[in-house]
């Protein structure tokens, strides 16, 4: 069997419809997406598995840019992901884009918490 976008989407769609036992299927979908160089959906699969650090590293290696990363944040919003997109020597997304994405998705609570975390980190000199 050959990997194709349709096969990867089929596996991922099956994961979305199943209530439990998704982890191995998400990993399979992730591998299928990576094999066809569909990096954005592969990163989403990693995030749905709770593998935030690996997902952000894959996004960085793959050269995913603003539109893809904003869409990924919209699909898988989390404070950990928002922080990870800002960390490192070069942030993957500007703070304004992250906040705008969260607010547009009605995740104001997460946007405010991110601001508070960043304020606290800068006031303690850890950023």
PDB file of N, CA and C in Angstrom:
ATOM      1  N   UNK A   1       0.842  -1.167   0.000  1.00  0.00           N
ATOM      2  CA  UNK A   1       0.000   0.000   0.000  1.00  0.00           C
ATOM      3  C   UNK A   1       0.900   1.248   0.000  1.00  0.00           C
ATOM      4  N   UNK A   2       0.539   2.221  -0.781  1.00  0.00           N
ATOM      5  CA  UNK A   2       1.310   3.466  -0.859  1.00  0.00           C
ATOM      6  C   UNK A   2       0.681   4.534   0.007  1.00  0.00           C
ATOM      7  N   UNK A   3       1.548   5.351   0.561  1.00  0.00           N
ATOM      8  CA  UNK A   3       1.071   6.477   1.357  1.00  0.00           C
ATOM      9  C   UNK A   3       0.582   7.566   0.420  1.00  0.00           C
ATOM     10  N   UNK A   4      -0.530   8.145   0.780  1.00  0.00           N
ATOM     11  CA  UNK A   4      -1.089   9.240  -0.004  1.00  0.00           C
ATOM     12  C   UNK A   4      -1.805  10.185   0.955  1.00  0.00           C
ATOM     13  N   UNK A   5      -2.072  11.391   0.509  1.00  0.00           N
ATOM     14  CA  UNK A   5      -2.840  12.307   1.370  1.00  0.00           C
ATOM     15  C   UNK A   5      -4.205  11.730   1.752  1.00  0.00           C
ATOM     16  N   UNK A   6      -4.808  11.029   0.814  1.00  0.00           N
ATOM     17  CA  UNK A   6      -6.128  10.444   1.083  1.00  0.00           C
ATOM     18  C   UNK A   6      -6.057   9.387   2.182  1.00  0.00           C
ATOM     19  N   UNK A   7      -5.020   8.539   2.131  1.00  0.00           N
ATOM     20  CA  UNK A   7      -4.855   7.505   3.157  1.00  0.00           C
ATOM     21  C   UNK A   7      -4.609   8.135   4.524  1.00  0.00           C
ATOM     22  N   UNK A   8      -3.720   9.116   4.570  1.00  0.00           N
ATOM     23  CA  UNK A   8      -3.427   9.789   5.843  1.00  0.00           C
ATOM     24  C   UNK A   8      -4.690  10.462   6.393  1.00  0.00           C
ATOM     25  N   UNK A   9      -5.443  11.137   5.518  1.00  0.00           N
ATOM     26  CA  UNK A   9      -6.689  11.790   5.950  1.00  0.00           C
ATOM     27  C   UNK A   9      -7.718  10.767   6.436  1.00  0.00           C
ATOM     28  N   UNK A  10      -7.760   9.619   5.787  1.00  0.00           N
ATOM     29  CA  UNK A  10      -8.695   8.564   6.188  1.00  0.00           C
ATOM     30  C   UNK A  10      -8.365   8.061   7.594  1.00  0.00           C
ATOM     31  N   UNK A  11      -7.089   7.820   7.853  1.00  0.00           N
ATOM     32  CA  UNK A  11      -6.661   7.357   9.182  1.00  0.00           C
ATOM     33  C   UNK A  11      -6.972   8.423  10.226  1.00  0.00           C
ATOM     34  N   UNK A  12      -6.624   9.676   9.914  1.00  0.00           N
ATOM     35  CA  UNK A  12      -6.871  10.771  10.858  1.00  0.00           C
ATOM     36  C   UNK A  12      -8.374  10.945  11.104  1.00  0.00           C
ATOM     37  N   UNK A  13      -9.177  10.870  10.049  1.00  0.00           N
ATOM     38  CA  UNK A  13     -10.626  10.989  10.197  1.00  0.00           C
ATOM     39  C   UNK A  13     -11.201   9.896  11.078  1.00  0.00           C
ATOM     40  N   UNK A  14     -10.661   8.691  10.940  1.00  0.00           N
ATOM     41  CA  UNK A  14     -11.107   7.590  11.784  1.00  0.00           C
ATOM     42  C   UNK A  14     -10.787   7.877  13.246  1.00  0.00           C
ATOM     43  N   UNK A  15      -9.611   8.448  13.489  1.00  0.00           N
ATOM     44  CA  UNK A  15      -9.216   8.818  14.861  1.00  0.00           C
ATOM     45  C   UNK A  15     -10.200   9.821  15.451  1.00  0.00           C
ATOM     46  N   UNK A  16     -10.591  10.786  14.655  1.00  0.00           N
ATOM     47  CA  UNK A  16     -11.494  11.833  15.125  1.00  0.00           C
ATOM     48  C   UNK A  16     -12.863  11.276  15.504  1.00  0.00           C
ATOM     49  N   UNK A  17     -13.289  10.224  14.831  1.00  0.00           N
ATOM     50  CA  UNK A  17     -14.615   9.645  15.114  1.00  0.00           C
ATOM     51  C   UNK A  17     -14.602   8.668  16.283  1.00  0.00           C
ATOM     52  N   UNK A  18     -13.432   8.126  16.596  1.00  0.00           N
ATOM     53  CA  UNK A  18     -13.321   7.165  17.703  1.00  0.00           C
ATOM     54  C   UNK A  18     -13.184   7.881  19.024  1.00  0.00           C
ATOM     55  N   UNK A  19     -13.896   7.409  20.012  1.00  0.00           N
ATOM     56  CA  UNK A  19     -13.865   8.056  21.329  1.00  0.00           C
ATOM     57  C   UNK A  19     -12.581   7.749  22.093  1.00  0.00           C
ATOM     58  N   UNK A  20     -12.067   6.532  21.982  1.00  0.00           N
ATOM     59  CA  UNK A  20     -10.870   6.175  22.733  1.00  0.00           C
ATOM     60  C   UNK A  20      -9.966   5.285  21.897  1.00  0.00           C
ATOM     61  N   UNK A  21      -8.758   5.105  22.363  1.00  0.00           N
ATOM     62  CA  UNK A  21      -7.816   4.272  21.641  1.00  0.00           C
ATOM     63  C   UNK A  21      -7.197   4.968  20.441  1.00  0.00           C
ATOM     64  N   UNK A  22      -7.173   6.285  20.471  1.00  0.00           N
ATOM     65  CA  UNK A  22      -6.686   7.054  19.337  1.00  0.00           C
ATOM     66  C   UNK A  22      -5.176   7.096  19.214  1.00  0.00           C
ATOM     67  N   UNK A  23      -4.450   6.934  20.300  1.00  0.00           N
ATOM     68  CA  UNK A  23      -3.012   7.213  20.297  1.00  0.00           C
ATOM     69  C   UNK A  23      -2.256   6.461  19.205  1.00  0.00           C
ATOM     70  N   UNK A  24      -2.486   5.181  19.074  1.00  0.00           N
ATOM     71  CA  UNK A  24      -1.737   4.429  18.060  1.00  0.00           C
ATOM     72  C   UNK A  24      -2.173   4.816  16.658  1.00  0.00           C
ATOM     73  N   UNK A  25      -3.455   5.111  16.485  1.00  0.00           N
ATOM     74  CA  UNK A  25      -3.926   5.548  15.168  1.00  0.00           C
ATOM     75  C   UNK A  25      -3.423   6.946  14.833  1.00  0.00           C
ATOM     76  N   UNK A  26      -3.364   7.823  15.834  1.00  0.00           N
ATOM     77  CA  UNK A  26      -2.805   9.154  15.598  1.00  0.00           C
ATOM     78  C   UNK A  26      -1.329   9.053  15.209  1.00  0.00           C
ATOM     79  N   UNK A  27      -0.611   8.153  15.854  1.00  0.00           N
ATOM     80  CA  UNK A  27       0.796   7.945  15.512  1.00  0.00           C
ATOM     81  C   UNK A  27       0.926   7.412  14.081  1.00  0.00           C
ATOM     82  N   UNK A  28       0.015   6.537  13.686  1.00  0.00           N
ATOM     83  CA  UNK A  28       0.026   6.014  12.324  1.00  0.00           C
ATOM     84  C   UNK A  28      -0.279   7.126  11.315  1.00  0.00           C
ATOM     85  N   UNK A  29      -1.278   7.945  11.613  1.00  0.00           N
ATOM     86  CA  UNK A  29      -1.603   9.077  10.736  1.00  0.00           C
ATOM     87  C   UNK A  29      -0.421  10.037  10.658  1.00  0.00           C
ATOM     88  N   UNK A  30       0.209  10.287  11.793  1.00  0.00           N
ATOM     89  CA  UNK A  30       1.381  11.168  11.830  1.00  0.00           C
ATOM     90  C   UNK A  30       2.477  10.642  10.902  1.00  0.00           C
ATOM     91  N   UNK A  31       2.774   9.358  10.999  1.00  0.00           N
ATOM     92  CA  UNK A  31       3.817   8.770  10.144  1.00  0.00           C
ATOM     93  C   UNK A  31       3.436   8.869   8.666  1.00  0.00           C
ATOM     94  N   UNK A  32       2.154   8.649   8.374  1.00  0.00           N
ATOM     95  CA  UNK A  32       1.704   8.755   6.974  1.00  0.00           C
ATOM     96  C   UNK A  32       1.862  10.189   6.472  1.00  0.00           C
ATOM     97  N   UNK A  33       1.482  11.165   7.280  1.00  0.00           N
ATOM     98  CA  UNK A  33       1.636  12.564   6.874  1.00  0.00           C
ATOM     99  C   UNK A  33       3.115  12.924   6.679  1.00  0.00           C
ATOM    100  N   UNK A  34       3.965  12.472   7.583  1.00  0.00           N
ATOM    101  CA  UNK A  34       5.394  12.762   7.445  1.00  0.00           C
ATOM    102  C   UNK A  34       5.976  12.127   6.188  1.00  0.00           C
ATOM    103  N   UNK A  35       5.521  10.938   5.875  1.00  0.00           N
ATOM    104  CA  UNK A  35       6.038  10.241   4.697  1.00  0.00           C
ATOM    105  C   UNK A  35       5.730  11.010   3.412  1.00  0.00           C
ATOM    106  N   UNK A  36       4.589  11.724   3.389  1.00  0.00           N
ATOM    107  CA  UNK A  36       4.220  12.485   2.186  1.00  0.00           C
ATOM    108  C   UNK A  36       4.557  13.969   2.335  1.00  0.00           C
ATOM    109  N   UNK A  37       5.359  14.295   3.342  1.00  0.00           N
ATOM    110  CA  UNK A  37       5.793  15.674   3.595  1.00  0.00           C
ATOM    111  C   UNK A  37       4.631  16.633   3.859  1.00  0.00           C
ATOM    112  N   UNK A  38       3.580  16.142   4.469  1.00  0.00           N
ATOM    113  CA  UNK A  38       2.451  16.988   4.903  1.00  0.00           C
ATOM    114  C   UNK A  38       2.710  17.326   6.370  1.00  0.00           C
ATOM    115  N   UNK A  39       3.568  18.319   6.585  1.00  0.00           N
ATOM    116  CA  UNK A  39       4.084  18.576   7.925  1.00  0.00           C
ATOM    117  C   UNK A  39       3.053  19.180   8.870  1.00  0.00           C
ATOM    118  N   UNK A  40       2.206  20.067   8.395  1.00  0.00           N
ATOM    119  CA  UNK A  40       1.217  20.688   9.284  1.00  0.00           C
ATOM    120  C   UNK A  40       0.267  19.647   9.885  1.00  0.00           C
ATOM    121  N   UNK A  41      -0.338  18.754   9.085  1.00  0.00           N
ATOM    122  CA  UNK A  41      -1.185  17.733   9.706  1.00  0.00           C
ATOM    123  C   UNK A  41      -0.411  16.782  10.617  1.00  0.00           C
ATOM    124  N   UNK A  42       0.849  16.520  10.286  1.00  0.00           N
ATOM    125  CA  UNK A  42       1.669  15.660  11.158  1.00  0.00           C
ATOM    126  C   UNK A  42       1.869  16.323  12.511  1.00  0.00           C
ATOM    127  N   UNK A  43       2.100  17.630  12.509  1.00  0.00           N
ATOM    128  CA  UNK A  43       2.262  18.372  13.760  1.00  0.00           C
ATOM    129  C   UNK A  43       0.968  18.336  14.569  1.00  0.00           C
ATOM    130  N   UNK A  44      -0.173  18.467  13.909  1.00  0.00           N
ATOM    131  CA  UNK A  44      -1.464  18.380  14.611  1.00  0.00           C
ATOM    132  C   UNK A  44      -1.609  17.009  15.269  1.00  0.00           C
ATOM    133  N   UNK A  45      -1.226  15.948  14.560  1.00  0.00           N
ATOM    134  CA  UNK A  45      -1.300  14.602  15.140  1.00  0.00           C
ATOM    135  C   UNK A  45      -0.426  14.500  16.385  1.00  0.00           C
ATOM    136  N   UNK A  46       0.776  15.064  16.329  1.00  0.00           N
ATOM    137  CA  UNK A  46       1.664  15.035  17.487  1.00  0.00           C
ATOM    138  C   UNK A  46       1.028  15.779  18.661  1.00  0.00           C
ATOM    139  N   UNK A  47       0.446  16.924  18.384  1.00  0.00           N
ATOM    140  CA  UNK A  47      -0.191  17.703  19.457  1.00  0.00           C
ATOM    141  C   UNK A  47      -1.357  16.939  20.057  1.00  0.00           C
ATOM    142  N   UNK A  48      -2.130  16.271  19.235  1.00  0.00           N
ATOM    143  CA  UNK A  48      -3.279  15.500  19.745  1.00  0.00           C
ATOM    144  C   UNK A  48      -2.813  14.310  20.584  1.00  0.00           C
ATOM    145  N   UNK A  49      -1.552  13.916  20.405  1.00  0.00           N
ATOM    146  CA  UNK A  49      -0.976  12.851  21.235  1.00  0.00           C
ATOM    147  C   UNK A  49      -0.350  13.427  22.500  1.00  0.00           C
ATOM    148  N   UNK A  50      -0.365  14.757  22.640  1.00  0.00           N
ATOM    149  CA  UNK A  50       0.231  15.387  23.809  1.00  0.00           C
ATOM    150  C   UNK A  50       1.726  15.595  23.685  1.00  0.00           C
ATOM    151  N   UNK A  51       2.261  15.494  22.490  1.00  0.00           N
ATOM    152  CA  UNK A  51       3.698  15.603  22.256  1.00  0.00           C
ATOM    153  C   UNK A  51       4.039  17.015  21.772  1.00  0.00           C
ATOM    154  N   UNK A  52       3.841  17.997  22.639  1.00  0.00           N
ATOM    155  CA  UNK A  52       3.984  19.402  22.256  1.00  0.00           C
ATOM    156  C   UNK A  52       5.420  19.735  21.864  1.00  0.00           C
ATOM    157  N   UNK A  53       6.378  19.363  22.682  1.00  0.00           N
ATOM    158  CA  UNK A  53       7.771  19.693  22.398  1.00  0.00           C
ATOM    159  C   UNK A  53       8.219  19.106  21.059  1.00  0.00           C
ATOM    160  N   UNK A  54       7.874  17.854  20.806  1.00  0.00           N
ATOM    161  CA  UNK A  54       8.248  17.220  19.549  1.00  0.00           C
ATOM    162  C   UNK A  54       7.527  17.873  18.368  1.00  0.00           C
ATOM    163  N   UNK A  55       6.275  18.266  18.581  1.00  0.00           N
ATOM    164  CA  UNK A  55       5.506  18.907  17.514  1.00  0.00           C
ATOM    165  C   UNK A  55       6.127  20.246  17.124  1.00  0.00           C
ATOM    166  N   UNK A  56       6.509  21.023  18.121  1.00  0.00           N
ATOM    167  CA  UNK A  56       7.121  22.330  17.846  1.00  0.00           C
ATOM    168  C   UNK A  56       8.479  22.149  17.179  1.00  0.00           C
ATOM    169  N   UNK A  57       9.232  21.157  17.606  1.00  0.00           N
ATOM    170  CA  UNK A  57      10.522  20.895  16.968  1.00  0.00           C
ATOM    171  C   UNK A  57      10.325  20.463  15.511  1.00  0.00           C
ATOM    172  N   UNK A  58       9.309  19.641  15.254  1.00  0.00           N
ATOM    173  CA  UNK A  58       9.009  19.226  13.871  1.00  0.00           C
ATOM    174  C   UNK A  58       8.599  20.441  13.041  1.00  0.00           C
ATOM    175  N   UNK A  59       7.800  21.317  13.603  1.00  0.00           N
ATOM    176  CA  UNK A  59       7.385  22.534  12.895  1.00  0.00           C
ATOM    177  C   UNK A  59       8.600  23.390  12.560  1.00  0.00           C
ATOM    178  N   UNK A  60       9.506  23.503  13.505  1.00  0.00           N
ATOM    179  CA  UNK A  60      10.724  24.292  13.300  1.00  0.00           C
ATOM    180  C   UNK A  60      11.578  23.673  12.183  1.00  0.00           C
ATOM    181  N   UNK A  61      11.808  22.354  12.258  1.00  0.00           N
ATOM    182  CA  UNK A  61      12.618  21.660  11.244  1.00  0.00           C
ATOM    183  C   UNK A  61      11.981  21.732   9.855  1.00  0.00           C
ATOM    184  N   UNK A  62      10.654  21.675   9.817  1.00  0.00           N
ATOM    185  CA  UNK A  62       9.937  21.652   8.536  1.00  0.00           C
ATOM    186  C   UNK A  62       9.801  23.032   7.919  1.00  0.00           C
ATOM    187  N   UNK A  63      10.097  24.054   8.694  1.00  0.00           N
ATOM    188  CA  UNK A  63       9.991  25.405   8.172  1.00  0.00           C
ATOM    189  C   UNK A  63       8.558  25.901   8.047  1.00  0.00           C
ATOM    190  N   UNK A  64       7.666  25.358   8.871  1.00  0.00           N
ATOM    191  CA  UNK A  64       6.282  25.829   8.820  1.00  0.00           C
ATOM    192  C   UNK A  64       6.247  27.304   9.193  1.00  0.00           C
ATOM    193  N   UNK A  65       5.438  28.061   8.494  1.00  0.00           N
ATOM    194  CA  UNK A  65       5.382  29.499   8.706  1.00  0.00           C
ATOM    195  C   UNK A  65       4.090  29.954   9.347  1.00  0.00           C
ATOM    196  N   UNK A  66       3.933  31.273   9.347  1.00  0.00           N
ATOM    197  CA  UNK A  66       2.828  31.923  10.031  1.00  0.00           C
ATOM    198  C   UNK A  66       1.451  31.314   9.742  1.00  0.00           C
ATOM    199  N   UNK A  67       1.013  31.188   8.489  1.00  0.00           N
ATOM    200  CA  UNK A  67      -0.364  30.701   8.291  1.00  0.00           C
ATOM    201  C   UNK A  67      -0.580  29.300   8.852  1.00  0.00           C
ATOM    202  N   UNK A  68       0.388  28.407   8.602  1.00  0.00           N
ATOM    203  CA  UNK A  68       0.249  27.029   9.096  1.00  0.00           C
ATOM    204  C   UNK A  68       0.256  26.979  10.617  1.00  0.00           C
ATOM    205  N   UNK A  69       1.181  27.708  11.228  1.00  0.00           N
ATOM    206  CA  UNK A  69       1.295  27.666  12.691  1.00  0.00           C
ATOM    207  C   UNK A  69       0.094  28.308  13.377  1.00  0.00           C
ATOM    208  N   UNK A  70      -0.429  29.375  12.817  1.00  0.00           N
ATOM    209  CA  UNK A  70      -1.630  29.998  13.391  1.00  0.00           C
ATOM    210  C   UNK A  70      -2.808  29.032  13.295  1.00  0.00           C
ATOM    211  N   UNK A  71      -2.925  28.334  12.183  1.00  0.00           N
ATOM    212  CA  UNK A  71      -4.008  27.357  12.012  1.00  0.00           C
ATOM    213  C   UNK A  71      -3.837  26.180  12.980  1.00  0.00           C
ATOM    214  N   UNK A  72      -2.605  25.732  13.169  1.00  0.00           N
ATOM    215  CA  UNK A  72      -2.339  24.644  14.114  1.00  0.00           C
ATOM    216  C   UNK A  72      -2.710  25.072  15.531  1.00  0.00           C
ATOM    217  N   UNK A  73      -2.339  26.286  15.915  1.00  0.00           N
ATOM    218  CA  UNK A  73      -2.705  26.803  17.238  1.00  0.00           C
ATOM    219  C   UNK A  73      -4.217  26.887  17.378  1.00  0.00           C
ATOM    220  N   UNK A  74      -4.884  27.248  16.313  1.00  0.00           N
ATOM    221  CA  UNK A  74      -6.346  27.335  16.325  1.00  0.00           C
ATOM    222  C   UNK A  74      -6.982  25.950  16.500  1.00  0.00           C
ATOM    223  N   UNK A  75      -6.404  24.943  15.850  1.00  0.00           N
ATOM    224  CA  UNK A  75      -6.932  23.582  15.940  1.00  0.00           C
ATOM    225  C   UNK A  75      -6.621  22.910  17.273  1.00  0.00           C
ATOM    226  N   UNK A  76      -5.478  23.237  17.850  1.00  0.00           N
ATOM    227  CA  UNK A  76      -5.009  22.577  19.075  1.00  0.00           C
ATOM    228  C   UNK A  76      -4.578  23.626  20.099  1.00  0.00           C
ATOM    229  N   UNK A  77      -5.493  24.476  20.544  1.00  0.00           N
ATOM    230  CA  UNK A  77      -5.073  25.550  21.449  1.00  0.00           C
ATOM    231  C   UNK A  77      -4.658  25.023  22.820  1.00  0.00           C
ATOM    232  N   UNK A  78      -3.497  25.482  23.261  1.00  0.00           N
ATOM    233  CA  UNK A  78      -3.055  25.159  24.618  1.00  0.00           C
ATOM    234  C   UNK A  78      -2.032  26.196  25.036  1.00  0.00           C
ATOM    235  N   UNK A  79      -1.974  26.435  26.311  1.00  0.00           N
ATOM    236  CA  UNK A  79      -1.000  27.373  26.852  1.00  0.00           C
ATOM    237  C   UNK A  79       0.418  26.860  26.621  1.00  0.00           C
ATOM    238  N   UNK A  80       0.598  25.564  26.764  1.00  0.00           N
ATOM    239  CA  UNK A  80       1.924  24.973  26.540  1.00  0.00           C
ATOM    240  C   UNK A  80       2.379  25.189  25.102  1.00  0.00           C
ATOM    241  N   UNK A  81       1.469  25.023  24.143  1.00  0.00           N
ATOM    242  CA  UNK A  81       1.814  25.249  22.748  1.00  0.00           C
ATOM    243  C   UNK A  81       2.135  26.725  22.509  1.00  0.00           C
ATOM    244  N   UNK A  82       1.336  27.620  23.062  1.00  0.00           N
ATOM    245  CA  UNK A  82       1.583  29.054  22.894  1.00  0.00           C
ATOM    246  C   UNK A  82       2.969  29.429  23.431  1.00  0.00           C
ATOM    247  N   UNK A  83       3.297  28.940  24.613  1.00  0.00           N
ATOM    248  CA  UNK A  83       4.625  29.205  25.188  1.00  0.00           C
ATOM    249  C   UNK A  83       5.727  28.615  24.302  1.00  0.00           C
ATOM    250  N   UNK A  84       5.509  27.422  23.809  1.00  0.00           N
ATOM    251  CA  UNK A  84       6.517  26.748  22.988  1.00  0.00           C
ATOM    252  C   UNK A  84       6.751  27.481  21.672  1.00  0.00           C
ATOM    253  N   UNK A  85       5.706  28.059  21.116  1.00  0.00           N
ATOM    254  CA  UNK A  85       5.855  28.804  19.867  1.00  0.00           C
ATOM    255  C   UNK A  85       6.647  30.090  20.069  1.00  0.00           C
ATOM    256  N   UNK A  86       6.683  30.571  21.312  1.00  0.00           N
ATOM    257  CA  UNK A  86       7.433  31.784  21.637  1.00  0.00           C
ATOM    258  C   UNK A  86       8.854  31.499  22.086  1.00  0.00           C
ATOM    259  N   UNK A  87       9.145  30.268  22.481  1.00  0.00           N
ATOM    260  CA  UNK A  87      10.445  29.974  23.086  1.00  0.00           C
ATOM    261  C   UNK A  87      11.516  29.712  22.041  1.00  0.00           C
ATOM    262  N   UNK A  88      12.712  29.633  22.503  1.00  0.00           N
ATOM    263  CA  UNK A  88      13.849  29.387  21.634  1.00  0.00           C
ATOM    264  C   UNK A  88      14.495  30.693  21.213  1.00  0.00           C
ATOM    265  N   UNK A  89      15.577  30.581  20.465  1.00  0.00           N
ATOM    266  CA  UNK A  89      16.290  31.782  20.048  1.00  0.00           C
ATOM    267  C   UNK A  89      15.470  32.600  19.054  1.00  0.00           C
ATOM    268  N   UNK A  90      14.644  31.932  18.275  1.00  0.00           N
ATOM    269  CA  UNK A  90      13.747  32.624  17.344  1.00  0.00           C
ATOM    270  C   UNK A  90      12.348  32.051  17.532  1.00  0.00           C
ATOM    271  N   UNK A  91      11.418  32.889  17.986  1.00  0.00           N
ATOM    272  CA  UNK A  91      10.061  32.387  18.173  1.00  0.00           C
ATOM    273  C   UNK A  91       9.464  32.039  16.810  1.00  0.00           C
ATOM    274  N   UNK A  92       8.623  31.024  16.800  1.00  0.00           N
ATOM    275  CA  UNK A  92       8.002  30.593  15.555  1.00  0.00           C
ATOM    276  C   UNK A  92       6.847  31.506  15.149  1.00  0.00           C
ATOM    277  N   UNK A  93       6.206  32.108  16.128  1.00  0.00           N
ATOM    278  CA  UNK A  93       5.118  33.052  15.862  1.00  0.00           C
ATOM    279  C   UNK A  93       5.279  34.255  16.770  1.00  0.00           C
ATOM    280  N   UNK A  94       5.020  35.453  16.259  1.00  0.00           N
ATOM    281  CA  UNK A  94       5.065  36.627  17.130  1.00  0.00           C
ATOM    282  C   UNK A  94       3.948  36.567  18.176  1.00  0.00           C
ATOM    283  N   UNK A  95       4.206  37.183  19.312  1.00  0.00           N
ATOM    284  CA  UNK A  95       3.225  37.204  20.394  1.00  0.00           C
ATOM    285  C   UNK A  95       1.888  37.744  19.914  1.00  0.00           C
ATOM    286  N   UNK A  96       1.910  38.805  19.119  1.00  0.00           N
ATOM    287  CA  UNK A  96       0.664  39.398  18.629  1.00  0.00           C
ATOM    288  C   UNK A  96      -0.174  38.425  17.822  1.00  0.00           C
ATOM    289  N   UNK A  97       0.467  37.605  17.012  1.00  0.00           N
ATOM    290  CA  UNK A  97      -0.249  36.610  16.204  1.00  0.00           C
ATOM    291  C   UNK A  97      -0.847  35.534  17.106  1.00  0.00           C
ATOM    292  N   UNK A  98      -0.088  35.111  18.093  1.00  0.00           N
ATOM    293  CA  UNK A  98      -0.594  34.092  19.031  1.00  0.00           C
ATOM    294  C   UNK A  98      -1.809  34.629  19.782  1.00  0.00           C
ATOM    295  N   UNK A  99      -1.694  35.844  20.308  1.00  0.00           N
ATOM    296  CA  UNK A  99      -2.809  36.436  21.048  1.00  0.00           C
ATOM    297  C   UNK A  99      -4.014  36.633  20.146  1.00  0.00           C
ATOM    298  N   UNK A 100      -3.796  37.130  18.944  1.00  0.00           N
ATOM    299  CA  UNK A 100      -4.896  37.345  18.001  1.00  0.00           C
ATOM    300  C   UNK A 100      -5.602  36.028  17.680  1.00  0.00           C
ATOM    301  N   UNK A 101      -4.823  34.984  17.444  1.00  0.00           N
ATOM    302  CA  UNK A 101      -5.401  33.671  17.136  1.00  0.00           C
ATOM    303  C   UNK A 101      -6.243  33.163  18.300  1.00  0.00           C
ATOM    304  N   UNK A 102      -5.713  33.263  19.513  1.00  0.00           N
ATOM    305  CA  UNK A 102      -6.448  32.788  20.689  1.00  0.00           C
ATOM    306  C   UNK A 102      -7.730  33.594  20.900  1.00  0.00           C
ATOM    307  N   UNK A 103      -7.640  34.904  20.746  1.00  0.00           N
ATOM    308  CA  UNK A 103      -8.818  35.757  20.967  1.00  0.00           C
ATOM    309  C   UNK A 103      -9.870  35.511  19.892  1.00  0.00           C
ATOM    310  N   UNK A 104      -9.458  35.365  18.638  1.00  0.00           N
ATOM    311  CA  UNK A 104     -10.416  35.077  17.567  1.00  0.00           C
ATOM    312  C   UNK A 104     -11.125  33.751  17.798  1.00  0.00           C
ATOM    313  N   UNK A 105     -10.433  32.818  18.410  1.00  0.00           N
ATOM    314  CA  UNK A 105     -11.019  31.504  18.703  1.00  0.00           C
ATOM    315  C   UNK A 105     -11.746  31.480  20.043  1.00  0.00           C
ATOM    316  N   UNK A 106     -11.963  32.649  20.613  1.00  0.00           N
ATOM    317  CA  UNK A 106     -12.673  32.800  21.896  1.00  0.00           C
ATOM    318  C   UNK A 106     -11.957  32.077  23.037  1.00  0.00           C
ATOM    319  N   UNK A 107     -10.644  32.135  23.007  1.00  0.00           N
ATOM    320  CA  UNK A 107      -9.818  31.557  24.072  1.00  0.00           C
ATOM    321  C   UNK A 107      -9.171  32.695  24.856  1.00  0.00           C
ATOM    322  N   UNK A 108     -10.006  33.691  25.206  1.00  0.00           N
ATOM    323  CA  UNK A 108      -9.525  34.875  25.919  1.00  0.00           C
ATOM    324  C   UNK A 108      -8.814  34.495  27.212  1.00  0.00           C
ATOM    325  N   UNK A 109      -9.349  33.499  27.910  1.00  0.00           N
ATOM    326  CA  UNK A 109      -8.746  33.058  29.167  1.00  0.00           C
ATOM    327  C   UNK A 109      -7.301  32.612  28.955  1.00  0.00           C
ATOM    328  N   UNK A 110      -7.057  31.914  27.863  1.00  0.00           N
ATOM    329  CA  UNK A 110      -5.721  31.441  27.565  1.00  0.00           C
ATOM    330  C   UNK A 110      -4.816  32.616  27.171  1.00  0.00           C
ATOM    331  N   UNK A 111      -5.351  33.560  26.416  1.00  0.00           N
ATOM    332  CA  UNK A 111      -4.571  34.738  26.013  1.00  0.00           C
ATOM    333  C   UNK A 111      -4.157  35.549  27.238  1.00  0.00           C
ATOM    334  N   UNK A 112      -5.086  35.753  28.150  1.00  0.00           N
ATOM    335  CA  UNK A 112      -4.788  36.516  29.365  1.00  0.00           C
ATOM    336  C   UNK A 112      -3.754  35.775  30.209  1.00  0.00           C
ATOM    337  N   UNK A 113      -3.907  34.476  30.341  1.00  0.00           N
ATOM    338  CA  UNK A 113      -2.938  33.697  31.127  1.00  0.00           C
ATOM    339  C   UNK A 113      -1.551  33.759  30.500  1.00  0.00           C
ATOM    340  N   UNK A 114      -1.478  33.733  29.179  1.00  0.00           N
ATOM    341  CA  UNK A 114      -0.189  33.843  28.504  1.00  0.00           C
ATOM    342  C   UNK A 114       0.465  35.190  28.815  1.00  0.00           C
ATOM    343  N   UNK A 115      -0.314  36.251  28.758  1.00  0.00           N
ATOM    344  CA  UNK A 115       0.204  37.588  29.084  1.00  0.00           C
ATOM    345  C   UNK A 115       0.693  37.630  30.532  1.00  0.00           C
ATOM    346  N   UNK A 116      -0.088  37.079  31.440  1.00  0.00           N
ATOM    347  CA  UNK A 116       0.308  37.053  32.851  1.00  0.00           C
ATOM    348  C   UNK A 116       1.595  36.252  33.056  1.00  0.00           C
ATOM    349  N   UNK A 117       1.694  35.112  32.401  1.00  0.00           N
ATOM    350  CA  UNK A 117       2.901  34.287  32.507  1.00  0.00           C
ATOM    351  C   UNK A 117       4.126  35.039  31.996  1.00  0.00           C
ATOM    352  N   UNK A 118       3.973  35.707  30.852  1.00  0.00           N
ATOM    353  CA  UNK A 118       5.088  36.448  30.268  1.00  0.00           C
ATOM    354  C   UNK A 118       5.473  37.632  31.155  1.00  0.00           C
ATOM    355  N   UNK A 119       4.480  38.300  31.709  1.00  0.00           N
ATOM    356  CA  UNK A 119       4.757  39.420  32.623  1.00  0.00           C
ATOM    357  C   UNK A 119       5.532  38.932  33.839  1.00  0.00           C
ATOM    358  N   UNK A 120       5.069  37.830  34.411  1.00  0.00           N
ATOM    359  CA  UNK A 120       5.732  37.283  35.590  1.00  0.00           C
ATOM    360  C   UNK A 120       7.167  36.860  35.254  1.00  0.00           C
ATOM    361  N   UNK A 121       7.348  36.226  34.092  1.00  0.00           N
ATOM    362  CA  UNK A 121       8.688  35.786  33.705  1.00  0.00           C
ATOM    363  C   UNK A 121       9.625  36.964  33.487  1.00  0.00           C
ATOM    364  N   UNK A 122       9.125  38.036  32.860  1.00  0.00           N
ATOM    365  CA  UNK A 122       9.995  39.189  32.613  1.00  0.00           C
ATOM    366  C   UNK A 122      10.282  39.948  33.901  1.00  0.00           C
ATOM    367  N   UNK A 123       9.335  39.965  34.816  1.00  0.00           N
ATOM    368  CA  UNK A 123       9.586  40.681  36.083  1.00  0.00           C
ATOM    369  C   UNK A 123      10.572  39.917  36.979  1.00  0.00           C
ATOM    370  N   UNK A 124      10.696  38.594  36.730  1.00  0.00           N
ATOM    371  CA  UNK A 124      11.667  37.795  37.470  1.00  0.00           C
ATOM    372  C   UNK A 124      12.958  37.592  36.683  1.00  0.00           C
ATOM    373  N   UNK A 125      13.008  38.180  35.499  1.00  0.00           N
ATOM    374  CA  UNK A 125      14.218  38.096  34.683  1.00  0.00           C
ATOM    375  C   UNK A 125      14.472  36.754  34.052  1.00  0.00           C
ATOM    376  N   UNK A 126      13.425  35.934  33.868  1.00  0.00           N
ATOM    377  CA  UNK A 126      13.635  34.609  33.261  1.00  0.00           C
ATOM    378  C   UNK A 126      13.369  34.610  31.772  1.00  0.00           C
ATOM    379  N   UNK A 127      13.002  35.749  31.203  1.00  0.00           N
ATOM    380  CA  UNK A 127      12.803  35.828  29.760  1.00  0.00           C
ATOM    381  C   UNK A 127      13.798  36.782  29.160  1.00  0.00           C
TER     382      UNK A 127
END
